[in-house]
Amino acid sequence: MILSAFTLLHVLLSLIGILAGFVVVAGFLTAKRRDNWTALFLSTTVLTSITGFLFPFHKFLPSHAVGIVSLLVLAVAVPALYVFHLAGPWRLTYVIGSVIALYLNVFVLVAQLFMKVPALKALAPTQSEPPFLGTQVVVMLVFIVLGVLAAKRFRVEAAHAV
């Protein structure tokens, strides 16, 4: 009972983080700050990564590696925004870090969908089959394009706008 409630909390944090992250990235693409959405995205993404380590486990899993990378990226992106106020190279650091953190959450979402949705699991039961790998490659390419566009469009003027 407690584990299922904790799992639900973890999943909700992740989904809220993904939704908020897409709103933040849309803001980057339109050169608009979304401060409330950003706070929601960063906090839920950090909490998603932290809560992922609180599940019972007996060996190091790929999800742990993703969680570590996510926390390291966020450990740079959060101060870029809140400590260095996007000054100089910190704007680009924040934008790229935010896009990477969102990508990592979506990467895990796709992996979970292929594990939990019967139709997807049938297509890629071990997650090494072409449908899974192809989906992850497409997701990565989409995020590379989003990251490049976000870095170009979210300029200093927008970064400092209130």
Protein backbone atom coordinates (compact mmCIF):
# COMPACT_ATOMS: atom_id res chain seq x y z
CA MET A 1 0.00 0.00 0.00
CA ILE A 2 2.71 2.49 0.99
CA LEU A 3 4.89 1.53 -2.01
CA SER A 4 2.00 1.96 -4.45
CA ALA A 5 1.20 5.41 -2.98
CA PHE A 6 4.87 6.36 -3.20
CA THR A 7 4.99 5.13 -6.80
CA LEU A 8 1.95 7.26 -7.62
CA LEU A 9 3.62 10.31 -6.05
CA HIS A 10 6.81 9.66 -8.05
CA VAL A 11 4.85 9.28 -11.30
CA LEU A 12 2.79 12.42 -10.65
CA LEU A 13 5.94 14.43 -9.91
CA SER A 14 7.47 13.16 -13.13
CA LEU A 15 4.41 13.95 -15.27
CA ILE A 16 4.00 17.42 -13.75
CA GLY A 17 7.70 18.04 -14.36
CA ILE A 18 7.40 16.97 -17.98
CA LEU A 19 4.33 19.14 -18.59
CA ALA A 20 5.93 22.15 -16.89
CA GLY A 21 9.18 21.50 -18.75
CA PHE A 22 7.45 21.70 -22.11
CA VAL A 23 5.88 25.02 -21.08
CA VAL A 24 9.32 26.31 -20.07
CA VAL A 25 10.89 25.18 -23.36
CA ALA A 26 8.02 26.79 -25.28
CA GLY A 27 8.92 29.98 -23.42
CA PHE A 28 12.52 29.61 -24.57
CA LEU A 29 11.34 29.24 -28.16
CA THR A 30 9.22 32.38 -27.94
CA ALA A 31 11.83 34.30 -25.89
CA LYS A 32 9.52 34.53 -22.87
CA ARG A 33 10.32 33.69 -19.29
CA ARG A 34 7.84 31.52 -17.50
CA ASP A 35 9.06 31.95 -13.92
CA ASN A 36 6.27 30.07 -12.13
CA TRP A 37 6.38 27.21 -14.61
CA THR A 38 10.17 27.17 -14.32
CA ALA A 39 10.02 26.84 -10.54
CA LEU A 40 7.48 24.03 -10.90
CA PHE A 41 9.57 22.29 -13.57
CA LEU A 42 12.84 22.50 -11.67
CA SER A 43 11.40 21.49 -8.30
CA THR A 44 9.37 18.54 -9.60
CA THR A 45 12.25 17.35 -11.76
CA VAL A 46 14.64 17.41 -8.80
CA LEU A 47 12.05 15.62 -6.65
CA THR A 48 11.45 13.03 -9.37
CA SER A 49 15.15 12.20 -9.48
CA ILE A 50 15.48 12.09 -5.69
CA THR A 51 12.38 9.95 -5.14
CA GLY A 52 13.64 7.52 -7.79
CA PHE A 53 16.46 6.56 -5.43
CA LEU A 54 14.04 5.82 -2.58
CA PHE A 55 12.50 2.75 -4.20
CA PRO A 56 13.78 -0.60 -2.91
CA PHE A 57 16.49 -1.99 -5.20
CA HIS A 58 19.21 -4.64 -5.02
CA LYS A 59 21.50 -3.53 -7.82
CA PHE A 60 22.41 -0.38 -9.70
CA LEU A 61 19.90 0.14 -12.51
CA PRO A 62 19.94 2.30 -15.67
CA SER A 63 17.30 4.48 -14.03
CA HIS A 64 19.79 5.28 -11.27
CA ALA A 65 22.34 6.42 -13.86
CA VAL A 66 19.71 8.67 -15.48
CA GLY A 67 18.78 10.05 -12.05
CA ILE A 68 22.41 10.85 -11.24
CA VAL A 69 22.95 12.59 -14.58
CA SER A 70 19.70 14.54 -14.15
CA LEU A 71 20.69 15.73 -10.68
CA LEU A 72 24.15 16.75 -11.93
CA VAL A 73 22.60 18.73 -14.81
CA LEU A 74 20.12 20.37 -12.45
CA ALA A 75 22.92 21.16 -9.98
CA VAL A 76 24.32 23.45 -12.68
CA ALA A 77 21.06 24.72 -14.26
CA VAL A 78 19.41 25.80 -11.00
CA PRO A 79 22.27 28.08 -9.86
CA ALA A 80 22.62 29.40 -13.42
CA LEU A 81 19.10 30.79 -13.02
CA TYR A 82 18.77 31.59 -9.34
CA VAL A 83 22.35 32.46 -8.32
CA PHE A 84 23.96 33.80 -11.48
CA HIS A 85 20.70 35.24 -12.90
CA LEU A 86 21.48 34.05 -16.43
CA ALA A 87 24.40 36.50 -16.75
CA GLY A 88 26.84 35.85 -19.56
CA PRO A 89 27.38 32.16 -20.27
CA TRP A 90 24.91 31.18 -17.54
CA ARG A 91 21.96 31.87 -19.87
CA LEU A 92 23.12 29.19 -22.28
CA THR A 93 24.04 26.88 -19.40
CA TYR A 94 20.54 27.22 -17.97
CA VAL A 95 18.76 26.71 -21.30
CA ILE A 96 20.80 23.65 -22.27
CA GLY A 97 20.58 22.21 -18.76
CA SER A 98 16.81 22.64 -18.69
CA VAL A 99 16.37 20.97 -22.08
CA ILE A 100 18.63 18.07 -21.05
CA ALA A 101 16.76 17.61 -17.76
CA LEU A 102 13.44 17.55 -19.63
CA TYR A 103 14.86 15.12 -22.20
CA LEU A 104 16.00 12.75 -19.45
CA ASN A 105 12.50 12.76 -17.94
CA VAL A 106 10.95 12.04 -21.34
CA PHE A 107 13.57 9.33 -21.99
CA VAL A 108 12.46 7.58 -18.79
CA LEU A 109 8.79 8.12 -19.68
CA VAL A 110 9.30 6.37 -23.02
CA ALA A 111 11.14 3.51 -21.30
CA GLN A 112 8.32 3.17 -18.75
CA LEU A 113 5.68 3.21 -21.48
CA PHE A 114 7.48 0.38 -23.29
CA MET A 115 7.64 -1.57 -20.00
CA LYS A 116 4.05 -0.96 -18.83
CA VAL A 117 1.82 -0.60 -21.91
CA PRO A 118 1.09 -4.11 -23.22
CA ALA A 119 1.04 -3.14 -26.92
CA LEU A 120 4.41 -1.40 -26.63
CA LYS A 121 5.89 -4.17 -24.48
CA ALA A 122 4.91 -6.67 -27.20
CA LEU A 123 6.85 -4.59 -29.75
CA ALA A 124 9.98 -4.39 -27.59
CA PRO A 125 9.92 -6.84 -24.67
CA THR A 126 13.59 -6.32 -23.77
CA GLN A 127 13.81 -2.67 -24.86
CA SER A 128 16.61 -3.54 -27.25
CA GLU A 129 14.37 -4.05 -30.27
CA PRO A 130 14.12 -1.55 -33.17
CA PRO A 131 10.76 0.00 -32.16
CA PHE A 132 12.12 1.04 -28.76
CA LEU A 133 15.50 2.16 -30.08
CA GLY A 134 13.88 4.03 -32.98
CA THR A 135 11.50 5.82 -30.65
CA GLN A 136 14.34 6.87 -28.35
CA VAL A 137 16.41 8.11 -31.31
CA VAL A 138 13.48 10.20 -32.58
CA VAL A 139 12.92 11.63 -29.08
CA MET A 140 16.62 12.49 -28.80
CA LEU A 141 16.64 14.18 -32.22
CA VAL A 142 13.56 16.22 -31.31
CA PHE A 143 15.28 17.39 -28.13
CA ILE A 144 18.50 18.24 -29.97
CA VAL A 145 16.48 20.46 -32.33
CA LEU A 146 14.56 21.99 -29.40
CA GLY A 147 17.81 22.63 -27.55
CA VAL A 148 19.47 24.37 -30.50
CA LEU A 149 16.40 26.50 -31.19
CA ALA A 150 15.97 27.34 -27.51
CA ALA A 151 19.60 28.38 -27.18
CA LYS A 152 19.29 30.67 -30.21
CA ARG A 153 15.92 32.20 -29.35
CA PHE A 154 16.11 32.70 -25.57
CA ARG A 155 18.22 35.84 -25.62
CA VAL A 156 19.60 37.96 -22.82
CA GLU A 157 16.74 40.48 -23.15
CA ALA A 158 14.16 37.75 -22.53
CA ALA A 159 16.26 36.23 -19.77
CA HIS A 160 16.22 39.47 -17.81
CA ALA A 161 12.59 40.40 -18.49
CA VAL A 162 10.30 40.17 -15.51
